[in-house]
């Protein structure tokens, strides 16, 4: 089979052996993958021989031999630790979410990392209704999902977006307020979903309400965060939570059942996937470069050649 593999410091589309699933894994014929900033940055640090890739959607070609999980022919979306950028991938049954009728595999591929991150982050904030939520990176794929899910939960959503051309669209998704930078946001907020790091995270700590939660899900600025601990003393039981979705999934705090609920929202027309572009996976290197240069705001979907449609 073909896969995008790290070779001599670069990604190359090459022939590799087909995966051999464990007893509690199914074999997935990959239809589509979606890109995430974290996995793209991880490529630079990956050793030669590694196949990157986290978000996958496709069709089960071999069910798990232990008799659990979806049967052959089922449509599946999942997150995998690695090796998703391939024609086939082994997926642990506990991570395999069945795609409902009416949801395309292209859309399903955008949900695992982004959707589960938001579900877990919002769970940390408790009941959303009536609470003020601040979302940094509001115009990105994660941000657009978060705006919608916050609105579904009846929260008052304020989104940070440096792309003024998208502000009207973000309001249509459910944001009550859009600001061009976190320094222009007016607190306090009960829950802050922070993905920029650096000074943005420091400002989020200033803006959090008493007993509120700042959930850090990324550091796109690649900057260190410096803040005065005294800024927390008046916040009561305010918390800062570092969320790594793979650890949350391994611990069972979020998983396939949550992903299936998200896809049900998509099927019912309550949640829209912010797909900015959809291409053949042969264009992966160019798409990665465009992501790094922030040439598109939402999710990029790459369709895998020879996948079972």
Protein backbone atom coordinates (compact mmCIF):
# COMPACT_ATOMS: atom_id res chain seq x y z
CA UNK A 1 0.00 0.00 0.00
CA UNK A 2 1.00 3.65 -0.30
CA UNK A 3 1.64 6.00 2.58
CA UNK A 4 3.27 9.33 3.32
CA UNK A 5 6.43 8.41 5.22
CA UNK A 6 9.28 10.49 6.64
CA UNK A 7 12.37 9.70 4.57
CA UNK A 8 15.66 11.57 4.66
CA UNK A 9 13.99 14.40 6.52
CA UNK A 10 11.14 14.82 4.01
CA UNK A 11 7.69 13.38 3.45
CA UNK A 12 7.51 10.95 0.54
CA UNK A 13 4.59 8.98 -0.91
CA UNK A 14 6.01 5.46 -0.96
CA UNK A 15 5.10 1.78 -0.87
CA UNK A 16 5.06 0.33 2.65
CA UNK A 17 3.85 -2.97 4.15
CA UNK A 18 0.16 -3.19 5.04
CA UNK A 19 -0.52 -2.89 8.77
CA UNK A 20 -1.14 -5.99 10.87
CA UNK A 21 -3.96 -5.19 13.34
CA UNK A 22 -3.93 -6.55 16.86
CA UNK A 23 -6.82 -8.65 18.15
CA UNK A 24 -8.60 -5.54 19.43
CA UNK A 25 -8.00 -3.48 16.29
CA UNK A 26 -9.85 -3.23 13.00
CA UNK A 27 -8.29 -2.58 9.61
CA UNK A 28 -9.54 0.60 7.99
CA UNK A 29 -9.41 1.46 4.29
CA UNK A 30 -8.85 5.20 4.56
CA UNK A 31 -11.09 7.45 2.48
CA UNK A 32 -10.05 10.81 3.90
CA UNK A 33 -7.73 12.45 6.41
CA UNK A 34 -7.81 15.94 7.84
CA UNK A 35 -4.82 17.98 8.91
CA UNK A 36 -4.06 19.37 12.35
CA UNK A 37 -1.42 21.93 13.22
CA UNK A 38 0.06 19.73 15.92
CA UNK A 39 0.69 16.75 13.67
CA UNK A 40 2.13 18.97 10.95
CA UNK A 41 4.61 20.46 13.42
CA UNK A 42 5.38 16.98 14.67
CA UNK A 43 6.60 15.92 11.23
CA UNK A 44 9.76 17.97 11.70
CA UNK A 45 10.57 16.07 14.89
CA UNK A 46 9.50 12.65 13.63
CA UNK A 47 12.20 10.04 12.95
CA UNK A 48 12.76 8.67 9.49
CA UNK A 49 10.41 5.78 8.79
CA UNK A 50 7.43 7.22 10.65
CA UNK A 51 4.05 7.62 8.94
CA UNK A 52 2.28 10.66 10.46
CA UNK A 53 -1.46 11.22 10.62
CA UNK A 54 -4.11 11.50 13.35
CA UNK A 55 -7.59 12.06 11.87
CA UNK A 56 -8.96 9.34 9.60
CA UNK A 57 -12.28 8.23 8.14
CA UNK A 58 -12.98 5.27 5.91
CA UNK A 59 -14.44 1.79 5.60
CA UNK A 60 -13.70 -1.28 7.71
CA UNK A 61 -12.11 -3.96 5.53
CA UNK A 62 -11.37 -6.37 8.39
CA UNK A 63 -13.16 -6.41 11.74
CA UNK A 64 -11.29 -7.00 14.99
CA UNK A 65 -10.49 -10.68 15.47
CA UNK A 66 -11.63 -10.61 19.10
CA UNK A 67 -15.19 -10.15 17.86
CA UNK A 68 -15.72 -6.64 19.18
CA UNK A 69 -16.40 -3.40 17.35
CA UNK A 70 -17.83 -2.51 13.96
CA UNK A 71 -18.22 -5.11 11.23
CA UNK A 72 -16.64 -5.18 7.80
CA UNK A 73 -18.14 -2.50 5.56
CA UNK A 74 -18.96 -0.02 8.33
CA UNK A 75 -17.98 3.61 7.89
CA UNK A 76 -15.65 4.71 10.67
CA UNK A 77 -14.04 7.91 11.93
CA UNK A 78 -11.21 7.75 14.44
CA UNK A 79 -8.09 9.34 15.80
CA UNK A 80 -4.91 7.30 15.73
CA UNK A 81 -1.60 8.00 17.44
CA UNK A 82 0.23 7.83 14.12
CA UNK A 83 0.18 6.20 10.65
CA UNK A 84 -3.06 7.82 9.48
CA UNK A 85 -1.59 9.18 6.24
CA UNK A 86 -1.84 5.81 4.53
CA UNK A 87 -4.23 3.81 2.39
CA UNK A 88 -4.89 1.49 5.33
CA UNK A 89 -4.47 1.87 9.08
CA UNK A 90 -5.08 -0.28 12.14
CA UNK A 91 -7.58 1.36 14.50
CA UNK A 92 -8.25 0.31 18.11
CA UNK A 93 -11.88 -0.71 18.44
CA UNK A 94 -12.35 1.60 21.43
CA UNK A 95 -11.51 4.58 19.19
CA UNK A 96 -13.69 3.60 16.22
CA UNK A 97 -16.82 5.74 15.91
CA UNK A 98 -19.47 4.58 13.44
CA UNK A 99 -20.37 7.24 10.88
CA UNK A 100 -24.16 7.61 10.64
CA UNK A 101 -26.05 7.66 7.35
CA UNK A 102 -26.16 11.16 5.97
CA UNK A 103 -22.65 12.14 7.09
CA UNK A 104 -19.93 12.02 4.45
CA UNK A 105 -16.56 10.52 5.24
CA UNK A 106 -14.85 13.77 4.23
CA UNK A 107 -16.75 15.57 6.98
CA UNK A 108 -16.30 12.73 9.46
CA UNK A 109 -12.52 12.98 9.07
CA UNK A 110 -12.53 16.55 10.40
CA UNK A 111 -14.09 15.68 13.75
CA UNK A 112 -11.87 13.37 15.85
CA UNK A 113 -9.08 15.66 17.09
CA UNK A 114 -10.93 18.98 16.94
CA UNK A 115 -14.32 17.73 18.08
CA UNK A 116 -13.12 15.59 20.96
CA UNK A 117 -10.81 18.35 22.18
CA UNK A 118 -13.75 20.73 22.43
CA UNK A 119 -16.05 18.17 24.04
CA UNK A 120 -13.50 17.51 26.78
CA UNK A 121 -12.65 21.19 27.24
CA UNK A 122 -16.30 22.14 27.61
CA UNK A 123 -16.89 19.29 30.07
CA UNK A 124 -14.22 20.83 32.28
CA UNK A 125 -16.30 24.00 32.41
CA UNK A 126 -19.45 22.22 33.56
CA UNK A 127 -22.89 23.29 32.38
CA UNK A 128 -22.48 25.87 29.62
CA UNK A 129 -25.90 27.54 29.67
CA UNK A 130 -25.62 31.21 30.49
CA UNK A 131 -21.86 31.14 30.94
CA UNK A 132 -19.42 33.43 29.14
CA UNK A 133 -16.90 31.56 26.99
CA UNK A 134 -13.85 32.99 25.25
CA UNK A 135 -12.37 31.10 22.30
CA UNK A 136 -8.99 32.10 20.89
CA UNK A 137 -8.19 31.08 17.32
CA UNK A 138 -11.87 31.49 16.55
CA UNK A 139 -11.53 31.38 12.78
CA UNK A 140 -9.61 28.09 12.74
CA UNK A 141 -11.10 24.64 12.43
CA UNK A 142 -11.13 24.00 16.18
CA UNK A 143 -12.41 27.50 16.85
CA UNK A 144 -15.32 27.24 14.42
CA UNK A 145 -16.40 23.92 15.92
CA UNK A 146 -16.08 25.43 19.41
CA UNK A 147 -18.23 28.44 18.55
CA UNK A 148 -21.00 26.18 17.30
CA UNK A 149 -20.87 23.77 20.22
CA UNK A 150 -20.79 26.66 22.68
CA UNK A 151 -23.89 28.15 21.06
CA UNK A 152 -25.61 24.75 21.11
CA UNK A 153 -24.90 24.65 24.85
CA UNK A 154 -26.54 28.09 25.27
CA UNK A 155 -23.31 29.82 26.27
CA UNK A 156 -22.45 33.43 25.47
CA UNK A 157 -19.54 32.98 23.08
CA UNK A 158 -16.84 35.56 22.43
CA UNK A 159 -14.38 34.57 19.71
CA UNK A 160 -10.95 36.00 18.99
CA UNK A 161 -10.20 36.25 15.27
CA UNK A 162 -7.61 38.30 13.41
CA UNK A 163 -9.44 37.67 10.11
CA UNK A 164 -12.05 40.47 9.81
CA UNK A 165 -13.39 38.97 6.59
CA UNK A 166 -14.64 35.97 8.59
CA UNK A 167 -16.27 37.85 11.46
CA UNK A 168 -19.77 37.82 9.96
CA UNK A 169 -19.48 34.10 9.30
CA UNK A 170 -18.40 33.45 12.89
CA UNK A 171 -21.43 35.35 14.15
CA UNK A 172 -23.64 33.18 11.99
CA UNK A 173 -22.07 30.14 13.64
CA UNK A 174 -23.18 31.45 17.04
CA UNK A 175 -20.57 33.89 18.33
CA UNK A 176 -22.23 36.80 20.10
CA UNK A 177 -19.07 38.88 20.04
CA UNK A 178 -15.91 38.90 17.90
CA UNK A 179 -12.71 40.67 18.88
CA UNK A 180 -9.57 41.02 16.78
CA UNK A 181 -7.23 40.21 19.68
CA UNK A 182 -7.49 38.81 23.18
CA UNK A 183 -6.31 42.16 24.56
CA UNK A 184 -9.60 43.61 23.30
CA UNK A 185 -11.77 41.08 25.13
CA UNK A 186 -13.64 42.21 28.22
CA UNK A 187 -13.78 39.68 31.03
CA UNK A 188 -14.49 37.93 33.18
CA UNK A 189 -15.13 34.66 31.38
CA UNK A 190 -16.23 31.41 32.98
CA UNK A 191 -14.36 29.24 30.49
CA UNK A 192 -11.53 30.11 28.11
CA UNK A 193 -10.39 27.80 25.32
CA UNK A 194 -6.83 28.96 24.66
CA UNK A 195 -4.73 27.73 21.74
CA UNK A 196 -2.19 30.49 21.12
CA UNK A 197 0.00 30.33 24.23
CA UNK A 198 2.56 32.97 25.13
CA UNK A 199 1.12 36.35 26.02
CA UNK A 200 -2.33 35.20 24.93
CA UNK A 201 -2.40 32.55 27.64
CA UNK A 202 -1.15 35.09 30.18
CA UNK A 203 -3.99 37.43 29.21
CA UNK A 204 -6.48 34.56 29.46
CA UNK A 205 -5.44 34.06 33.07
CA UNK A 206 -6.18 37.73 33.71
CA UNK A 207 -9.61 37.39 32.10
CA UNK A 208 -10.82 34.22 33.84
CA UNK A 209 -13.63 34.54 36.37
CA UNK A 210 -13.65 33.26 39.93
CA UNK A 211 -13.87 29.47 39.83
CA UNK A 212 -13.48 29.58 36.05
CA UNK A 213 -11.29 27.33 33.93
CA UNK A 214 -8.62 28.23 31.37
CA UNK A 215 -8.13 25.20 29.12
CA UNK A 216 -4.87 25.35 27.19
CA UNK A 217 -5.07 23.22 24.04
CA UNK A 218 -2.09 24.48 22.08
CA UNK A 219 0.79 26.91 21.71
CA UNK A 220 0.63 28.11 18.12
CA UNK A 221 2.79 31.13 19.01
CA UNK A 222 5.61 28.81 20.15
CA UNK A 223 6.23 31.33 22.95
CA UNK A 224 6.75 30.84 26.67
CA UNK A 225 4.03 32.16 28.96
CA UNK A 226 4.96 34.51 31.80
CA UNK A 227 2.37 35.64 34.32
CA UNK A 228 2.23 36.93 37.87
CA UNK A 229 0.85 34.24 40.15
CA UNK A 230 -0.86 36.97 42.19
CA UNK A 231 -3.30 37.39 39.31
CA UNK A 232 -4.80 34.04 40.32
CA UNK A 233 -5.14 34.74 44.03
CA UNK A 234 -8.34 36.74 43.63
CA UNK A 235 -9.92 34.16 41.32
CA UNK A 236 -11.09 31.76 44.02
CA UNK A 237 -10.77 28.21 42.70
CA UNK A 238 -9.91 29.20 39.13
CA UNK A 239 -7.95 26.52 37.27
CA UNK A 240 -5.52 26.22 34.38
CA UNK A 241 -5.86 22.86 32.63
CA UNK A 242 -3.44 21.60 30.00
CA UNK A 243 -5.41 19.38 27.63
CA UNK A 244 -3.67 16.79 25.46
CA UNK A 245 -6.40 14.94 23.60
CA UNK A 246 -4.46 11.68 23.27
CA UNK A 247 -4.07 11.47 27.05
CA UNK A 248 -7.76 12.27 27.50
CA UNK A 249 -8.70 9.44 25.12
CA UNK A 250 -6.31 6.94 26.70
CA UNK A 251 -7.75 7.73 30.11
CA UNK A 252 -11.30 7.18 28.89
CA UNK A 253 -12.41 10.72 29.72
CA UNK A 254 -13.58 11.16 26.13
CA UNK A 255 -13.88 8.73 23.24
CA UNK A 256 -15.77 7.10 20.40
CA UNK A 257 -19.20 7.60 21.95
CA UNK A 258 -18.59 11.36 22.11
CA UNK A 259 -17.43 11.36 18.50
CA UNK A 260 -20.60 9.55 17.45
CA UNK A 261 -22.68 12.22 19.23
CA UNK A 262 -20.85 14.93 17.28
CA UNK A 263 -21.56 13.17 14.00
CA UNK A 264 -25.22 12.92 14.98
CA UNK A 265 -25.25 16.71 15.37
CA UNK A 266 -23.77 16.98 11.88
CA UNK A 267 -26.37 14.58 10.48
CA UNK A 268 -29.17 16.60 12.11
CA UNK A 269 -27.89 19.87 10.63
CA UNK A 270 -26.93 21.36 14.01
CA UNK A 271 -23.16 21.28 13.47
CA UNK A 272 -21.27 22.22 10.32
CA UNK A 273 -17.74 21.17 9.50
CA UNK A 274 -15.60 24.20 8.54
CA UNK A 275 -13.89 22.60 5.54
CA UNK A 276 -11.82 25.21 3.70
CA UNK A 277 -10.43 22.89 1.04
CA UNK A 278 -10.71 19.29 -0.12
CA UNK A 279 -7.99 17.78 -2.33
CA UNK A 280 -6.29 14.59 -3.37
CA UNK A 281 -3.78 13.41 -0.81
CA UNK A 282 -1.10 13.65 -3.49
CA UNK A 283 -1.19 17.37 -2.69
CA UNK A 284 -0.34 16.82 0.97
CA UNK A 285 3.05 18.62 0.99
CA UNK A 286 1.57 21.76 -0.57
CA UNK A 287 -1.39 21.67 1.81
CA UNK A 288 0.94 21.31 4.78
CA UNK A 289 2.90 24.37 3.66
CA UNK A 290 -0.30 26.36 3.28
CA UNK A 291 -1.39 25.36 6.77
CA UNK A 292 1.94 26.48 8.21
CA UNK A 293 1.59 29.80 6.37
CA UNK A 294 -2.03 30.18 7.53
CA UNK A 295 -3.34 30.47 3.98
CA UNK A 296 -6.66 28.89 4.97
CA UNK A 297 -8.65 29.20 8.17
CA UNK A 298 -10.74 26.05 8.53
CA UNK A 299 -10.07 22.35 8.04
CA UNK A 300 -8.22 20.79 5.11
CA UNK A 301 -9.42 17.37 3.94
CA UNK A 302 -7.28 15.12 1.77
CA UNK A 303 -8.93 12.27 -0.10
CA UNK A 304 -6.87 9.13 -0.29
CA UNK A 305 -6.38 7.60 -3.76
CA UNK A 306 -7.90 4.14 -4.22
CA UNK A 307 -9.93 4.43 -1.03
CA UNK A 308 -13.24 2.59 -0.89
CA UNK A 309 -15.88 5.23 -1.51
